[in-house]
Amino acid sequence: MSVRFQASMRRFTVCVTLLVCISFGLGCCASAQQPSPTSIVGRWRSLETSNGGIGALIEFRLDGTVDLGLGAVVEMPWHIERKQLILPPATTDGPEQKYTLNWLGDNKLGLETEGVVIELARVGERPAPSDPILGEWIENREMGGHKLKAHWFINNGGKLLFLMPFAFRRASYTISGSELHIIIPGPKPESRFESFDLSPNLLILSQPNGGHKDSYARY
């Protein structure tokens, strides 16, 4: 895992008070929006991940709370072949992952491989009636004695996004003018300043003095 990535992850795992100063220069592109509770609200995932597919996850809520966490963030191609969901190899030089589709209802799907069945439950409405596999799905999984929720996003562009948060830390945030103030409870508060850029589906936090940028996409 790179030093840059470790530094990025620490911002969301330590118990600190995080103050993000949002500064828009005159040269800012016209497509960027002024931050507001309605524009930043939603779920965000880091576009930069470790070699093992670990990234940051953020969810801003309209009530002023925010969840900051780490988890698996993996995007991959997918296709259906002979009633099987085909995914890339899980390891280098390994075989493709093949899951036999077993529909358990309109909104429940079983993926069977090597005698093991993964059960997925649909979230929300079916986006495409003609293609029932598309959309967001939830898988309940247990790892190391912990119950985790994995999210499968299967879209019609041939891309599958797999997200599985390991842990979240609840915090609060406020927006005042051009400042985003995130407060993470903890015994040793610390303040950090970063430049901020927001467009409808992209959030960029930059370290001071032209430092490393952390980019997040909506999901």
Protein backbone atom coordinates (compact mmCIF):
# COMPACT_ATOMS: atom_id res chain seq x y z
CA MET A 1 0.00 0.00 0.00
CA SER A 2 1.50 3.38 -0.99
CA VAL A 3 2.53 6.03 1.55
CA ARG A 4 0.16 8.44 -0.17
CA PHE A 5 -2.75 6.04 0.16
CA GLN A 6 -1.97 5.31 3.82
CA ALA A 7 -1.95 9.05 4.53
CA SER A 8 -5.29 9.39 2.77
CA MET A 9 -6.85 6.56 4.77
CA ARG A 10 -5.64 7.91 8.12
CA ARG A 11 -7.78 10.97 7.60
CA PHE A 12 -10.88 8.81 7.95
CA THR A 13 -9.82 6.30 10.62
CA VAL A 14 -8.18 8.29 13.44
CA CYS A 15 -10.26 10.03 16.09
CA VAL A 16 -9.68 13.67 15.18
CA THR A 17 -11.57 16.85 14.41
CA LEU A 18 -11.29 17.45 10.71
CA LEU A 19 -11.73 20.97 9.39
CA VAL A 20 -11.89 21.18 5.63
CA CYS A 21 -11.52 24.71 4.29
CA ILE A 22 -13.15 25.03 0.90
CA SER A 23 -11.52 27.58 -1.37
CA PHE A 24 -12.74 28.36 -4.88
CA GLY A 25 -10.44 30.54 -6.99
CA LEU A 26 -11.51 32.67 -9.90
CA GLY A 27 -10.11 30.02 -12.23
CA CYS A 28 -12.43 27.31 -10.98
CA CYS A 29 -14.30 25.60 -13.79
CA ALA A 30 -17.89 26.72 -14.39
CA SER A 31 -19.28 23.20 -13.88
CA ALA A 32 -18.28 23.06 -10.20
CA GLN A 33 -21.06 23.80 -7.68
CA GLN A 34 -20.94 25.79 -4.49
CA PRO A 35 -21.12 23.14 -1.74
CA SER A 36 -24.48 22.84 -0.01
CA PRO A 37 -26.23 20.25 2.13
CA THR A 38 -28.16 19.07 -0.92
CA SER A 39 -25.23 18.92 -3.34
CA ILE A 40 -22.81 17.02 -1.11
CA VAL A 41 -25.41 14.69 0.42
CA GLY A 42 -25.00 11.11 -0.73
CA ARG A 43 -22.57 8.21 -0.86
CA TRP A 44 -19.01 8.62 -2.12
CA ARG A 45 -16.23 6.10 -2.74
CA SER A 46 -12.56 6.75 -3.41
CA LEU A 47 -11.28 6.41 -6.95
CA GLU A 48 -7.79 5.63 -5.62
CA THR A 49 -7.42 2.26 -3.90
CA SER A 50 -4.63 0.05 -2.62
CA ASN A 51 -3.30 -2.84 -4.70
CA GLY A 52 -5.62 -5.07 -2.68
CA GLY A 53 -8.68 -2.98 -3.54
CA ILE A 54 -9.09 -1.12 -0.24
CA GLY A 55 -10.51 2.39 -0.43
CA ALA A 56 -12.33 5.10 1.51
CA LEU A 57 -16.12 5.38 1.76
CA ILE A 58 -18.05 8.50 2.82
CA GLU A 59 -21.77 9.09 3.28
CA PHE A 60 -23.07 12.61 3.92
CA ARG A 61 -26.64 12.86 5.20
CA LEU A 62 -29.08 15.74 5.05
CA ASP A 63 -29.38 15.76 8.87
CA GLY A 64 -25.74 16.86 9.26
CA THR A 65 -24.24 13.45 10.06
CA VAL A 66 -21.57 11.71 8.01
CA ASP A 67 -20.10 8.21 8.07
CA LEU A 68 -16.40 7.82 7.25
CA GLY A 69 -14.92 4.40 6.68
CA LEU A 70 -12.73 1.94 4.85
CA GLY A 71 -13.64 -1.11 2.84
CA ALA A 72 -13.28 -3.13 -0.33
CA VAL A 73 -13.73 -0.95 -3.42
CA VAL A 74 -13.46 -3.02 -6.60
CA GLU A 75 -14.73 -2.23 -10.10
CA MET A 76 -14.68 -4.98 -12.71
CA PRO A 77 -16.23 -6.04 -16.02
CA TRP A 78 -19.05 -8.59 -16.09
CA HIS A 79 -21.12 -10.52 -18.60
CA ILE A 80 -23.64 -13.34 -18.71
CA GLU A 81 -22.78 -16.55 -20.50
CA ARG A 82 -24.89 -19.74 -20.43
CA LYS A 83 -26.89 -18.53 -17.40
CA GLN A 84 -23.70 -17.74 -15.51
CA LEU A 85 -22.36 -14.43 -14.24
CA ILE A 86 -18.75 -14.22 -15.40
CA LEU A 87 -16.27 -12.04 -13.49
CA PRO A 88 -12.48 -11.61 -13.83
CA PRO A 89 -10.09 -13.92 -11.93
CA ALA A 90 -9.84 -13.29 -8.20
CA THR A 91 -6.06 -13.89 -8.29
CA THR A 92 -3.31 -13.24 -10.80
CA ASP A 93 -3.35 -15.87 -13.56
CA GLY A 94 -6.33 -17.55 -11.91
CA PRO A 95 -9.51 -18.76 -13.66
CA GLU A 96 -12.51 -16.55 -14.31
CA GLN A 97 -15.08 -16.46 -11.55
CA LYS A 98 -18.29 -18.15 -12.69
CA TYR A 99 -21.55 -17.90 -10.75
CA THR A 100 -24.63 -19.86 -11.79
CA LEU A 101 -27.72 -17.63 -11.58
CA ASN A 102 -30.54 -18.95 -9.41
CA TRP A 103 -33.50 -16.58 -9.17
CA LEU A 104 -35.19 -16.86 -5.76
CA GLY A 105 -37.84 -14.25 -6.60
CA ASP A 106 -38.17 -10.95 -8.42
CA ASN A 107 -35.88 -9.23 -5.94
CA LYS A 108 -33.70 -12.09 -4.70
CA LEU A 109 -30.85 -13.74 -6.54
CA GLY A 110 -28.61 -16.67 -5.69
CA LEU A 111 -25.09 -16.89 -7.14
CA GLU A 112 -23.76 -20.45 -6.91
CA THR A 113 -20.13 -21.42 -7.32
CA GLU A 114 -18.40 -24.62 -6.17
CA GLY A 115 -21.38 -25.60 -4.03
CA VAL A 116 -21.54 -22.24 -2.24
CA VAL A 117 -24.54 -19.94 -2.76
CA ILE A 118 -24.32 -16.18 -2.29
CA GLU A 119 -27.73 -14.61 -1.72
CA LEU A 120 -28.36 -11.09 -2.98
CA ALA A 121 -31.36 -8.88 -2.17
CA ARG A 122 -32.32 -6.03 -4.45
CA VAL A 123 -32.21 -2.43 -3.20
CA GLY A 124 -34.90 -0.16 -4.63
CA GLU A 125 -36.77 -0.59 -7.88
CA ARG A 126 -35.58 -2.64 -10.84
CA PRO A 127 -33.93 -0.11 -13.20
CA ALA A 128 -34.52 -2.14 -16.37
CA PRO A 129 -37.53 -4.51 -16.51
CA SER A 130 -36.01 -6.32 -19.50
CA ASP A 131 -32.76 -7.11 -17.63
CA PRO A 132 -33.49 -8.18 -14.03
CA ILE A 133 -29.84 -8.51 -12.95
CA LEU A 134 -29.19 -4.76 -13.27
CA GLY A 135 -29.28 -2.55 -10.19
CA GLU A 136 -27.99 -2.45 -6.62
CA TRP A 137 -27.89 -5.62 -4.53
CA ILE A 138 -27.02 -6.33 -0.89
CA GLU A 139 -25.15 -9.39 0.33
CA ASN A 140 -24.91 -10.18 4.06
CA ARG A 141 -21.51 -11.67 4.75
CA GLU A 142 -19.60 -12.78 7.85
CA MET A 143 -15.83 -12.28 8.10
CA GLY A 144 -13.75 -12.89 11.18
CA GLY A 145 -16.81 -13.03 13.39
CA HIS A 146 -18.11 -9.71 12.07
CA LYS A 147 -21.31 -9.27 10.08
CA LEU A 148 -20.69 -7.14 7.00
CA LYS A 149 -22.89 -5.81 4.22
CA ALA A 150 -21.52 -6.01 0.68
CA HIS A 151 -23.03 -3.88 -2.08
CA TRP A 152 -23.10 -5.12 -5.68
CA PHE A 153 -23.82 -2.47 -8.32
CA ILE A 154 -24.42 -4.11 -11.71
CA ASN A 155 -24.94 -1.68 -14.57
CA ASN A 156 -25.74 -2.05 -18.24
CA GLY A 157 -22.35 -0.66 -19.28
CA GLY A 158 -20.67 -3.96 -18.49
CA LYS A 159 -19.19 -2.73 -15.20
CA LEU A 160 -19.77 -4.17 -11.73
CA LEU A 161 -18.86 -2.17 -8.62
CA PHE A 162 -18.33 -4.20 -5.44
CA LEU A 163 -18.22 -2.30 -2.14
CA MET A 164 -17.91 -3.87 1.29
CA PRO A 165 -17.35 -1.48 4.21
CA PHE A 166 -15.29 -2.96 7.03
CA ALA A 167 -16.12 -0.25 9.56
CA PHE A 168 -17.59 3.24 9.70
CA ARG A 169 -17.00 6.11 12.11
CA ARG A 170 -19.98 8.41 12.70
CA ALA A 171 -19.21 12.12 12.60
CA SER A 172 -21.06 15.37 12.00
CA TYR A 173 -20.59 18.14 9.47
CA THR A 174 -21.75 21.66 8.77
CA ILE A 175 -21.42 23.89 5.73
CA SER A 176 -21.08 27.64 6.18
CA GLY A 177 -20.34 29.71 3.13
CA SER A 178 -17.24 28.14 1.62
CA GLU A 179 -16.34 25.95 4.60
CA LEU A 180 -17.08 22.29 5.21
CA HIS A 181 -16.53 21.46 8.88
CA ILE A 182 -16.35 17.76 9.75
CA ILE A 183 -16.15 16.86 13.45
CA ILE A 184 -15.01 13.35 14.40
CA PRO A 185 -15.42 12.69 18.15
CA GLY A 186 -12.21 11.75 19.93
CA PRO A 187 -9.99 12.62 22.88
CA LYS A 188 -7.32 14.32 20.75
CA PRO A 189 -8.95 16.71 18.31
CA GLU A 190 -6.93 17.86 15.35
CA SER A 191 -7.66 20.32 12.54
CA ARG A 192 -6.73 19.87 8.89
CA PHE A 193 -7.21 22.20 5.94
CA GLU A 194 -7.77 21.03 2.39
CA SER A 195 -8.96 22.61 -0.82
CA PHE A 196 -12.32 21.31 -1.99
CA ASP A 197 -13.86 20.91 -5.42
CA LEU A 198 -17.34 19.54 -6.04
CA SER A 199 -19.14 18.68 -9.26
CA PRO A 200 -22.35 16.61 -9.48
CA ASN A 201 -20.63 13.21 -9.38
CA LEU A 202 -17.06 14.00 -8.33
CA LEU A 203 -15.64 15.21 -5.02
CA ILE A 204 -11.96 16.20 -4.80
CA LEU A 205 -10.08 16.96 -1.57
CA SER A 206 -6.54 18.32 -2.03
CA GLN A 207 -3.72 18.60 0.49
CA PRO A 208 -2.37 22.11 1.08
CA ASN A 209 0.21 23.71 -1.21
CA GLY A 210 -0.63 21.63 -4.25
CA GLY A 211 -0.33 18.30 -2.44
CA HIS A 212 -1.91 14.96 -3.27
CA LYS A 213 -5.54 14.96 -4.36
CA ASP A 214 -8.09 12.43 -3.14
CA SER A 215 -10.93 11.89 -5.63
CA TYR A 216 -14.32 10.39 -4.81
CA ALA A 217 -17.18 9.31 -7.08
CA ARG A 218 -20.84 8.98 -6.17
CA TYR A 219 -22.29 5.50 -5.97
